[in-house]
Amino acid sequence: MSAPAVLAQTEALTPGDYSFAAAYALTGHALPENFAGVTTVAAGQSGDDVRDALTARFADAMGVDPADVTPLALRLRRTAVTR
Protein backbone atom coordinates (compact mmCIF):
# COMPACT_ATOMS: atom_id res chain seq x y z
CA MET A 1 0.00 0.00 0.00
CA SER A 2 1.36 3.42 -0.89
CA ALA A 3 1.51 6.35 1.49
CA PRO A 4 -1.15 9.05 1.11
CA ALA A 5 -0.16 12.04 -0.98
CA VAL A 6 1.01 15.05 1.01
CA LEU A 7 -0.59 18.33 0.01
CA ALA A 8 1.96 21.03 -0.69
CA GLN A 9 1.37 24.03 1.55
CA THR A 10 1.03 26.27 -1.49
CA GLU A 11 -1.77 24.23 -3.16
CA ALA A 12 -5.31 25.53 -2.76
CA LEU A 13 -7.38 23.70 -0.16
CA THR A 14 -10.99 22.64 -0.67
CA PRO A 15 -13.17 25.50 0.60
CA GLY A 16 -15.25 24.82 3.70
CA ASP A 17 -15.07 24.48 7.45
CA TYR A 18 -12.05 22.84 9.06
CA SER A 19 -11.25 22.02 12.65
CA PHE A 20 -7.67 22.87 13.52
CA ALA A 21 -5.12 22.16 16.19
CA ALA A 22 -1.96 24.22 16.28
CA ALA A 23 1.09 24.66 18.47
CA TYR A 24 3.09 27.86 18.73
CA ALA A 25 6.30 28.98 20.39
CA LEU A 26 6.14 32.41 22.02
CA THR A 27 9.21 34.53 22.60
CA GLY A 28 10.06 34.38 26.30
CA HIS A 29 7.95 31.27 27.02
CA ALA A 30 9.64 27.97 27.85
CA LEU A 31 6.78 25.74 26.67
CA PRO A 32 4.72 25.84 23.47
CA GLU A 33 1.12 27.02 23.54
CA ASN A 34 -1.73 25.04 21.96
CA PHE A 35 -4.60 26.61 20.03
CA ALA A 36 -7.62 24.82 18.57
CA GLY A 37 -10.95 25.65 17.03
CA VAL A 38 -12.75 25.90 13.71
CA THR A 39 -11.84 28.02 10.72
CA THR A 40 -13.42 28.53 7.31
CA VAL A 41 -11.18 28.12 4.27
CA ALA A 42 -12.14 30.35 1.35
CA ALA A 43 -11.73 29.45 -2.32
CA GLY A 44 -8.10 29.73 -3.39
CA GLN A 45 -6.59 29.66 0.11
CA SER A 46 -3.49 27.49 0.54
CA GLY A 47 -2.15 25.79 3.64
CA ASP A 48 0.31 28.67 3.99
CA ASP A 49 -2.53 31.20 3.85
CA VAL A 50 -4.47 29.35 6.55
CA ARG A 51 -1.35 28.98 8.73
CA ASP A 52 -0.63 32.71 8.47
CA ALA A 53 -4.24 33.66 9.26
CA LEU A 54 -4.40 31.33 12.27
CA THR A 55 -1.03 32.58 13.54
CA ALA A 56 -2.35 36.16 13.43
CA ARG A 57 -5.56 35.03 15.16
CA PHE A 58 -3.53 33.29 17.89
CA ALA A 59 -1.30 36.35 18.42
CA ASP A 60 -4.39 38.55 18.73
CA ALA A 61 -6.02 36.15 21.22
CA MET A 62 -2.83 36.08 23.31
CA GLY A 63 -2.34 39.84 23.09
CA VAL A 64 1.18 39.52 21.68
CA ASP A 65 3.02 40.86 18.65
CA PRO A 66 2.77 38.39 15.73
CA ALA A 67 6.57 38.70 15.35
CA ASP A 68 6.88 36.95 18.74
CA VAL A 69 4.92 33.88 17.55
CA THR A 70 6.51 30.94 15.72
CA PRO A 71 4.18 28.27 14.29
CA LEU A 72 5.37 24.78 15.26
CA ALA A 73 2.59 22.52 13.99
CA LEU A 74 -0.81 22.79 12.32
CA ARG A 75 -3.36 20.04 11.68
CA LEU A 76 -6.44 20.72 9.58
CA ARG A 77 -9.41 18.39 9.26
CA ARG A 78 -12.52 18.94 7.15
CA THR A 79 -15.53 19.04 9.39
CA ALA A 80 -19.26 19.42 9.19
CA VAL A 81 -20.11 22.45 11.31
CA THR A 82 -23.64 23.49 12.15
CA ARG A 83 -24.10 27.18 12.75
PDB file of N, CA and C in Angstrom:
ATOM      1  N   MET A   1       0.853  -1.169   0.000  1.00  0.00           N
ATOM      2  CA  MET A   1       0.000   0.000   0.000  1.00  0.00           C
ATOM      3  C   MET A   1       0.900   1.234   0.000  1.00  0.00           C
ATOM      4  N   SER A   2       0.542   2.206  -0.819  1.00  0.00           N
ATOM      5  CA  SER A   2       1.357   3.420  -0.890  1.00  0.00           C
ATOM      6  C   SER A   2       0.904   4.429   0.160  1.00  0.00           C
ATOM      7  N   ALA A   3       1.816   5.299   0.504  1.00  0.00           N
ATOM      8  CA  ALA A   3       1.514   6.347   1.493  1.00  0.00           C
ATOM      9  C   ALA A   3       0.590   7.378   0.864  1.00  0.00           C
ATOM     10  N   PRO A   4      -0.274   8.008   1.656  1.00  0.00           N
ATOM     11  CA  PRO A   4      -1.147   9.046   1.111  1.00  0.00           C
ATOM     12  C   PRO A   4      -0.331  10.230   0.605  1.00  0.00           C
ATOM     13  N   ALA A   5      -0.839  10.872  -0.420  1.00  0.00           N
ATOM     14  CA  ALA A   5      -0.155  12.044  -0.978  1.00  0.00           C
ATOM     15  C   ALA A   5      -0.171  13.172   0.042  1.00  0.00           C
ATOM     16  N   VAL A   6       0.909  13.902   0.098  1.00  0.00           N
ATOM     17  CA  VAL A   6       1.010  15.045   1.005  1.00  0.00           C
ATOM     18  C   VAL A   6       0.713  16.301   0.209  1.00  0.00           C
ATOM     19  N   LEU A   7      -0.212  17.094   0.679  1.00  0.00           N
ATOM     20  CA  LEU A   7      -0.587  18.331   0.007  1.00  0.00           C
ATOM     21  C   LEU A   7       0.483  19.384   0.244  1.00  0.00           C
ATOM     22  N   ALA A   8       0.996  19.935  -0.832  1.00  0.00           N
ATOM     23  CA  ALA A   8       1.961  21.034  -0.689  1.00  0.00           C
ATOM     24  C   ALA A   8       1.267  22.213  -0.030  1.00  0.00           C
ATOM     25  N   GLN A   9       1.973  22.919   0.815  1.00  0.00           N
ATOM     26  CA  GLN A   9       1.373  24.027   1.554  1.00  0.00           C
ATOM     27  C   GLN A   9       0.907  25.157   0.647  1.00  0.00           C
ATOM     28  N   THR A  10       1.406  25.180  -0.594  1.00  0.00           N
ATOM     29  CA  THR A  10       1.030  26.266  -1.494  1.00  0.00           C
ATOM     30  C   THR A  10      -0.150  25.902  -2.388  1.00  0.00           C
ATOM     31  N   GLU A  11      -0.614  24.638  -2.358  1.00  0.00           N
ATOM     32  CA  GLU A  11      -1.768  24.232  -3.156  1.00  0.00           C
ATOM     33  C   GLU A  11      -3.050  24.703  -2.478  1.00  0.00           C
ATOM     34  N   ALA A  12      -4.029  25.075  -3.307  1.00  0.00           N
ATOM     35  CA  ALA A  12      -5.315  25.529  -2.764  1.00  0.00           C
ATOM     36  C   ALA A  12      -6.019  24.373  -2.057  1.00  0.00           C
ATOM     37  N   LEU A  13      -6.602  24.673  -0.912  1.00  0.00           N
ATOM     38  CA  LEU A  13      -7.383  23.697  -0.158  1.00  0.00           C
ATOM     39  C   LEU A  13      -8.827  23.724  -0.644  1.00  0.00           C
ATOM     40  N   THR A  14      -9.565  22.662  -0.360  1.00  0.00           N
ATOM     41  CA  THR A  14     -10.985  22.636  -0.672  1.00  0.00           C
ATOM     42  C   THR A  14     -11.691  23.603   0.271  1.00  0.00           C
ATOM     43  N   PRO A  15     -12.472  24.549  -0.275  1.00  0.00           N
ATOM     44  CA  PRO A  15     -13.168  25.503   0.599  1.00  0.00           C
ATOM     45  C   PRO A  15     -14.123  24.785   1.560  1.00  0.00           C
ATOM     46  N   GLY A  16     -14.319  25.363   2.721  1.00  0.00           N
ATOM     47  CA  GLY A  16     -15.246  24.821   3.702  1.00  0.00           C
ATOM     48  C   GLY A  16     -14.733  25.007   5.112  1.00  0.00           C
ATOM     49  N   ASP A  17     -15.437  24.380   6.045  1.00  0.00           N
ATOM     50  CA  ASP A  17     -15.067  24.476   7.455  1.00  0.00           C
ATOM     51  C   ASP A  17     -14.073  23.377   7.811  1.00  0.00           C
ATOM     52  N   TYR A  18     -13.081  23.756   8.600  1.00  0.00           N
ATOM     53  CA  TYR A  18     -12.048  22.836   9.061  1.00  0.00           C
ATOM     54  C   TYR A  18     -11.872  23.020  10.558  1.00  0.00           C
ATOM     55  N   SER A  19     -11.704  21.901  11.271  1.00  0.00           N
ATOM     56  CA  SER A  19     -11.248  22.022  12.651  1.00  0.00           C
ATOM     57  C   SER A  19      -9.726  22.086  12.574  1.00  0.00           C
ATOM     58  N   PHE A  20      -9.129  22.763  13.535  1.00  0.00           N
ATOM     59  CA  PHE A  20      -7.674  22.871  13.525  1.00  0.00           C
ATOM     60  C   PHE A  20      -7.118  22.688  14.918  1.00  0.00           C
ATOM     61  N   ALA A  21      -5.899  22.223  14.951  1.00  0.00           N
ATOM     62  CA  ALA A  21      -5.121  22.155  16.187  1.00  0.00           C
ATOM     63  C   ALA A  21      -3.735  22.661  15.823  1.00  0.00           C
ATOM     64  N   ALA A  22      -3.244  23.604  16.581  1.00  0.00           N
ATOM     65  CA  ALA A  22      -1.955  24.221  16.275  1.00  0.00           C
ATOM     66  C   ALA A  22      -1.134  24.355  17.551  1.00  0.00           C
ATOM     67  N   ALA A  23       0.168  24.404  17.362  1.00  0.00           N
ATOM     68  CA  ALA A  23       1.090  24.657  18.469  1.00  0.00           C
ATOM     69  C   ALA A  23       2.008  25.797  18.055  1.00  0.00           C
ATOM     70  N   TYR A  24       2.274  26.684  18.999  1.00  0.00           N
ATOM     71  CA  TYR A  24       3.090  27.862  18.728  1.00  0.00           C
ATOM     72  C   TYR A  24       4.127  28.044  19.822  1.00  0.00           C
ATOM     73  N   ALA A  25       5.288  28.548  19.433  1.00  0.00           N
ATOM     74  CA  ALA A  25       6.302  28.982  20.389  1.00  0.00           C
ATOM     75  C   ALA A  25       6.161  30.494  20.522  1.00  0.00           C
ATOM     76  N   LEU A  26       6.197  30.971  21.755  1.00  0.00           N
ATOM     77  CA  LEU A  26       6.142  32.407  22.025  1.00  0.00           C
ATOM     78  C   LEU A  26       7.484  32.854  22.576  1.00  0.00           C
ATOM     79  N   THR A  27       7.966  33.966  22.091  1.00  0.00           N
ATOM     80  CA  THR A  27       9.212  34.526  22.597  1.00  0.00           C
ATOM     81  C   THR A  27       9.088  34.727  24.108  1.00  0.00           C
ATOM     82  N   GLY A  28      10.051  34.216  24.853  1.00  0.00           N
ATOM     83  CA  GLY A  28      10.057  34.379  26.302  1.00  0.00           C
ATOM     84  C   GLY A  28       9.304  33.300  27.057  1.00  0.00           C
ATOM     85  N   HIS A  29       8.670  32.364  26.368  1.00  0.00           N
ATOM     86  CA  HIS A  29       7.950  31.272  27.022  1.00  0.00           C
ATOM     87  C   HIS A  29       8.741  29.983  26.845  1.00  0.00           C
ATOM     88  N   ALA A  30       8.862  29.211  27.904  1.00  0.00           N
ATOM     89  CA  ALA A  30       9.638  27.975  27.850  1.00  0.00           C
ATOM     90  C   ALA A  30       8.889  26.849  27.139  1.00  0.00           C
ATOM     91  N   LEU A  31       7.570  26.828  27.248  1.00  0.00           N
ATOM     92  CA  LEU A  31       6.777  25.745  26.674  1.00  0.00           C
ATOM     93  C   LEU A  31       5.900  26.265  25.541  1.00  0.00           C
ATOM     94  N   PRO A  32       5.608  25.412  24.550  1.00  0.00           N
ATOM     95  CA  PRO A  32       4.725  25.836  23.467  1.00  0.00           C
ATOM     96  C   PRO A  32       3.290  25.999  23.965  1.00  0.00           C
ATOM     97  N   GLU A  33       2.532  26.790  23.251  1.00  0.00           N
ATOM     98  CA  GLU A  33       1.117  27.015  23.543  1.00  0.00           C
ATOM     99  C   GLU A  33       0.291  26.303  22.482  1.00  0.00           C
ATOM    100  N   ASN A  34      -0.829  25.705  22.887  1.00  0.00           N
ATOM    101  CA  ASN A  34      -1.732  25.036  21.955  1.00  0.00           C
ATOM    102  C   ASN A  34      -2.929  25.926  21.673  1.00  0.00           C
ATOM    103  N   PHE A  35      -3.475  25.790  20.483  1.00  0.00           N
ATOM    104  CA  PHE A  35      -4.597  26.607  20.026  1.00  0.00           C
ATOM    105  C   PHE A  35      -5.445  25.714  19.133  1.00  0.00           C
ATOM    106  N   ALA A  36      -6.745  25.676  19.366  1.00  0.00           N
ATOM    107  CA  ALA A  36      -7.617  24.816  18.566  1.00  0.00           C
ATOM    108  C   ALA A  36      -8.954  25.502  18.350  1.00  0.00           C
ATOM    109  N   GLY A  37      -9.642  25.087  17.318  1.00  0.00           N
ATOM    110  CA  GLY A  37     -10.949  25.646  17.027  1.00  0.00           C
ATOM    111  C   GLY A  37     -11.398  25.259  15.638  1.00  0.00           C
ATOM    112  N   VAL A  38     -12.221  26.117  15.053  1.00  0.00           N
ATOM    113  CA  VAL A  38     -12.753  25.903  13.709  1.00  0.00           C
ATOM    114  C   VAL A  38     -12.452  27.137  12.885  1.00  0.00           C
ATOM    115  N   THR A  39     -12.077  26.918  11.638  1.00  0.00           N
ATOM    116  CA  THR A  39     -11.837  28.021  10.717  1.00  0.00           C
ATOM    117  C   THR A  39     -12.496  27.694   9.388  1.00  0.00           C
ATOM    118  N   THR A  40     -12.837  28.714   8.630  1.00  0.00           N
ATOM    119  CA  THR A  40     -13.418  28.525   7.308  1.00  0.00           C
ATOM    120  C   THR A  40     -12.371  28.866   6.262  1.00  0.00           C
ATOM    121  N   VAL A  41     -12.131  27.925   5.369  1.00  0.00           N
ATOM    122  CA  VAL A  41     -11.184  28.117   4.272  1.00  0.00           C
ATOM    123  C   VAL A  41     -11.964  28.638   3.066  1.00  0.00           C
ATOM    124  N   ALA A  42     -11.502  29.749   2.522  1.00  0.00           N
ATOM    125  CA  ALA A  42     -12.139  30.348   1.349  1.00  0.00           C
ATOM    126  C   ALA A  42     -11.526  29.768   0.074  1.00  0.00           C
ATOM    127  N   ALA A  43     -12.230  29.923  -1.025  1.00  0.00           N
ATOM    128  CA  ALA A  43     -11.733  29.451  -2.320  1.00  0.00           C
ATOM    129  C   ALA A  43     -10.371  30.074  -2.608  1.00  0.00           C
ATOM    130  N   GLY A  44      -9.430  29.250  -3.022  1.00  0.00           N
ATOM    131  CA  GLY A  44      -8.103  29.727  -3.394  1.00  0.00           C
ATOM    132  C   GLY A  44      -7.102  29.802  -2.260  1.00  0.00           C
ATOM    133  N   GLN A  45      -7.530  29.591  -1.011  1.00  0.00           N
ATOM    134  CA  GLN A  45      -6.585  29.656   0.110  1.00  0.00           C
ATOM    135  C   GLN A  45      -5.717  28.401   0.148  1.00  0.00           C
ATOM    136  N   SER A  46      -4.436  28.601   0.414  1.00  0.00           N
ATOM    137  CA  SER A  46      -3.490  27.489   0.538  1.00  0.00           C
ATOM    138  C   SER A  46      -3.255  27.183   2.016  1.00  0.00           C
ATOM    139  N   GLY A  47      -2.527  26.113   2.264  1.00  0.00           N
ATOM    140  CA  GLY A  47      -2.148  25.791   3.636  1.00  0.00           C
ATOM    141  C   GLY A  47      -1.341  26.906   4.268  1.00  0.00           C
ATOM    142  N   ASP A  48      -0.472  27.533   3.478  1.00  0.00           N
ATOM    143  CA  ASP A  48       0.315  28.665   3.985  1.00  0.00           C
ATOM    144  C   ASP A  48      -0.590  29.826   4.382  1.00  0.00           C
ATOM    145  N   ASP A  49      -1.599  30.108   3.551  1.00  0.00           N
ATOM    146  CA  ASP A  49      -2.530  31.199   3.853  1.00  0.00           C
ATOM    147  C   ASP A  49      -3.264  30.943   5.164  1.00  0.00           C
ATOM    148  N   VAL A  50      -3.729  29.710   5.334  1.00  0.00           N
ATOM    149  CA  VAL A  50      -4.467  29.348   6.546  1.00  0.00           C
ATOM    150  C   VAL A  50      -3.545  29.427   7.756  1.00  0.00           C
ATOM    151  N   ARG A  51      -2.319  28.908   7.626  1.00  0.00           N
ATOM    152  CA  ARG A  51      -1.348  28.983   8.732  1.00  0.00           C
ATOM    153  C   ARG A  51      -1.107  30.431   9.144  1.00  0.00           C
ATOM    154  N   ASP A  52      -0.898  31.302   8.170  1.00  0.00           N
ATOM    155  CA  ASP A  52      -0.631  32.712   8.472  1.00  0.00           C
ATOM    156  C   ASP A  52      -1.829  33.375   9.149  1.00  0.00           C
ATOM    157  N   ALA A  53      -3.036  33.076   8.665  1.00  0.00           N
ATOM    158  CA  ALA A  53      -4.245  33.661   9.258  1.00  0.00           C
ATOM    159  C   ALA A  53      -4.447  33.167  10.692  1.00  0.00           C
ATOM    160  N   LEU A  54      -4.228  31.877  10.921  1.00  0.00           N
ATOM    161  CA  LEU A  54      -4.397  31.334  12.274  1.00  0.00           C
ATOM    162  C   LEU A  54      -3.310  31.824  13.218  1.00  0.00           C
ATOM    163  N   THR A  55      -2.106  32.032  12.707  1.00  0.00           N
ATOM    164  CA  THR A  55      -1.030  32.578  13.537  1.00  0.00           C
ATOM    165  C   THR A  55      -1.387  33.992  13.980  1.00  0.00           C
ATOM    166  N   ALA A  56      -1.920  34.798  13.074  1.00  0.00           N
ATOM    167  CA  ALA A  56      -2.349  36.159  13.429  1.00  0.00           C
ATOM    168  C   ALA A  56      -3.495  36.113  14.432  1.00  0.00           C
ATOM    169  N   ARG A  57      -4.429  35.181  14.239  1.00  0.00           N
ATOM    170  CA  ARG A  57      -5.564  35.028  15.163  1.00  0.00           C
ATOM    171  C   ARG A  57      -5.077  34.631  16.557  1.00  0.00           C
ATOM    172  N   PHE A  58      -4.102  33.718  16.612  1.00  0.00           N
ATOM    173  CA  PHE A  58      -3.533  33.292  17.888  1.00  0.00           C
ATOM    174  C   PHE A  58      -2.837  34.459  18.583  1.00  0.00           C
ATOM    175  N   ALA A  59      -2.018  35.207  17.838  1.00  0.00           N
ATOM    176  CA  ALA A  59      -1.300  36.352  18.418  1.00  0.00           C
ATOM    177  C   ALA A  59      -2.284  37.362  18.985  1.00  0.00           C
ATOM    178  N   ASP A  60      -3.364  37.618  18.262  1.00  0.00           N
ATOM    179  CA  ASP A  60      -4.385  38.552  18.734  1.00  0.00           C
ATOM    180  C   ASP A  60      -5.042  38.031  20.013  1.00  0.00           C
ATOM    181  N   ALA A  61      -5.379  36.744  20.034  1.00  0.00           N
ATOM    182  CA  ALA A  61      -6.016  36.153  21.219  1.00  0.00           C
ATOM    183  C   ALA A  61      -5.098  36.197  22.441  1.00  0.00           C
ATOM    184  N   MET A  62      -3.798  36.059  22.214  1.00  0.00           N
ATOM    185  CA  MET A  62      -2.833  36.076  23.312  1.00  0.00           C
ATOM    186  C   MET A  62      -2.394  37.491  23.676  1.00  0.00           C
ATOM    187  N   GLY A  63      -2.731  38.463  22.822  1.00  0.00           N
ATOM    188  CA  GLY A  63      -2.335  39.843  23.085  1.00  0.00           C
ATOM    189  C   GLY A  63      -0.849  40.081  22.901  1.00  0.00           C
ATOM    190  N   VAL A  64      -0.257  39.375  21.933  1.00  0.00           N
ATOM    191  CA  VAL A  64       1.178  39.520  21.679  1.00  0.00           C
ATOM    192  C   VAL A  64       1.414  39.977  20.242  1.00  0.00           C
ATOM    193  N   ASP A  65       2.615  40.462  19.993  1.00  0.00           N
ATOM    194  CA  ASP A  65       3.020  40.863  18.650  1.00  0.00           C
ATOM    195  C   ASP A  65       3.187  39.601  17.798  1.00  0.00           C
ATOM    196  N   PRO A  66       2.607  39.564  16.591  1.00  0.00           N
ATOM    197  CA  PRO A  66       2.771  38.386  15.731  1.00  0.00           C
ATOM    198  C   PRO A  66       4.233  38.020  15.470  1.00  0.00           C
ATOM    199  N   ALA A  67       5.138  38.985  15.545  1.00  0.00           N
ATOM    200  CA  ALA A  67       6.565  38.701  15.349  1.00  0.00           C
ATOM    201  C   ALA A  67       7.125  37.825  16.469  1.00  0.00           C
ATOM    202  N   ASP A  68       6.430  37.760  17.610  1.00  0.00           N
ATOM    203  CA  ASP A  68       6.875  36.951  18.742  1.00  0.00           C
ATOM    204  C   ASP A  68       6.289  35.540  18.730  1.00  0.00           C
ATOM    205  N   VAL A  69       5.585  35.187  17.652  1.00  0.00           N
ATOM    206  CA  VAL A  69       4.922  33.884  17.545  1.00  0.00           C
ATOM    207  C   VAL A  69       5.561  33.078  16.416  1.00  0.00           C
ATOM    208  N   THR A  70       5.956  31.842  16.730  1.00  0.00           N
ATOM    209  CA  THR A  70       6.508  30.937  15.722  1.00  0.00           C
ATOM    210  C   THR A  70       5.607  29.714  15.618  1.00  0.00           C
ATOM    211  N   PRO A  71       5.003  29.473  14.446  1.00  0.00           N
ATOM    212  CA  PRO A  71       4.182  28.270  14.288  1.00  0.00           C
ATOM    213  C   PRO A  71       5.053  27.015  14.357  1.00  0.00           C
ATOM    214  N   LEU A  72       4.628  26.036  15.140  1.00  0.00           N
ATOM    215  CA  LEU A  72       5.368  24.780  15.262  1.00  0.00           C
ATOM    216  C   LEU A  72       4.674  23.641  14.525  1.00  0.00           C
ATOM    217  N   ALA A  73       3.347  23.600  14.613  1.00  0.00           N
ATOM    218  CA  ALA A  73       2.587  22.517  13.987  1.00  0.00           C
ATOM    219  C   ALA A  73       1.171  22.999  13.715  1.00  0.00           C
ATOM    220  N   LEU A  74       0.578  22.467  12.650  1.00  0.00           N
ATOM    221  CA  LEU A  74      -0.814  22.785  12.319  1.00  0.00           C
ATOM    222  C   LEU A  74      -1.446  21.554  11.696  1.00  0.00           C
ATOM    223  N   ARG A  75      -2.571  21.135  12.259  1.00  0.00           N
ATOM    224  CA  ARG A  75      -3.358  20.042  11.680  1.00  0.00           C
ATOM    225  C   ARG A  75      -4.712  20.605  11.298  1.00  0.00           C
ATOM    226  N   LEU A  76      -5.122  20.319  10.071  1.00  0.00           N
ATOM    227  CA  LEU A  76      -6.435  20.723   9.584  1.00  0.00           C
ATOM    228  C   LEU A  76      -7.238  19.475   9.261  1.00  0.00           C
ATOM    229  N   ARG A  77      -8.534  19.526   9.562  1.00  0.00           N
ATOM    230  CA  ARG A  77      -9.407  18.393   9.261  1.00  0.00           C
ATOM    231  C   ARG A  77     -10.754  18.935   8.822  1.00  0.00           C
ATOM    232  N   ARG A  78     -11.200  18.510   7.628  1.00  0.00           N
ATOM    233  CA  ARG A  78     -12.516  18.940   7.147  1.00  0.00           C
ATOM    234  C   ARG A  78     -13.556  18.502   8.155  1.00  0.00           C
ATOM    235  N   THR A  79     -14.526  19.347   8.391  1.00  0.00           N
ATOM    236  CA  THR A  79     -15.532  19.036   9.390  1.00  0.00           C
ATOM    237  C   THR A  79     -16.882  19.559   8.949  1.00  0.00           C
ATOM    238  N   ALA A  80     -17.907  18.924   9.413  1.00  0.00           N
ATOM    239  CA  ALA A  80     -19.259  19.423   9.193  1.00  0.00           C
ATOM    240  C   ALA A  80     -19.616  20.258  10.407  1.00  0.00           C
ATOM    241  N   VAL A  81     -19.819  21.531  10.209  1.00  0.00           N
ATOM    242  CA  VAL A  81     -20.114  22.445  11.306  1.00  0.00           C
ATOM    243  C   VAL A  81     -21.528  22.967  11.137  1.00  0.00           C
ATOM    244  N   THR A  82     -22.302  22.900  12.189  1.00  0.00           N
ATOM    245  CA  THR A  82     -23.636  23.491  12.152  1.00  0.00           C
ATOM    246  C   THR A  82     -23.567  24.842  12.829  1.00  0.00           C
ATOM    247  N   ARG A  83     -24.149  25.819  12.202  1.00  0.00           N
ATOM    248  CA  ARG A  83     -24.099  27.178  12.746  1.00  0.00           C
ATOM    249  C   ARG A  83     -25.482  27.667  13.046  1.00  0.00           C
TER     250      ARG A  83
END
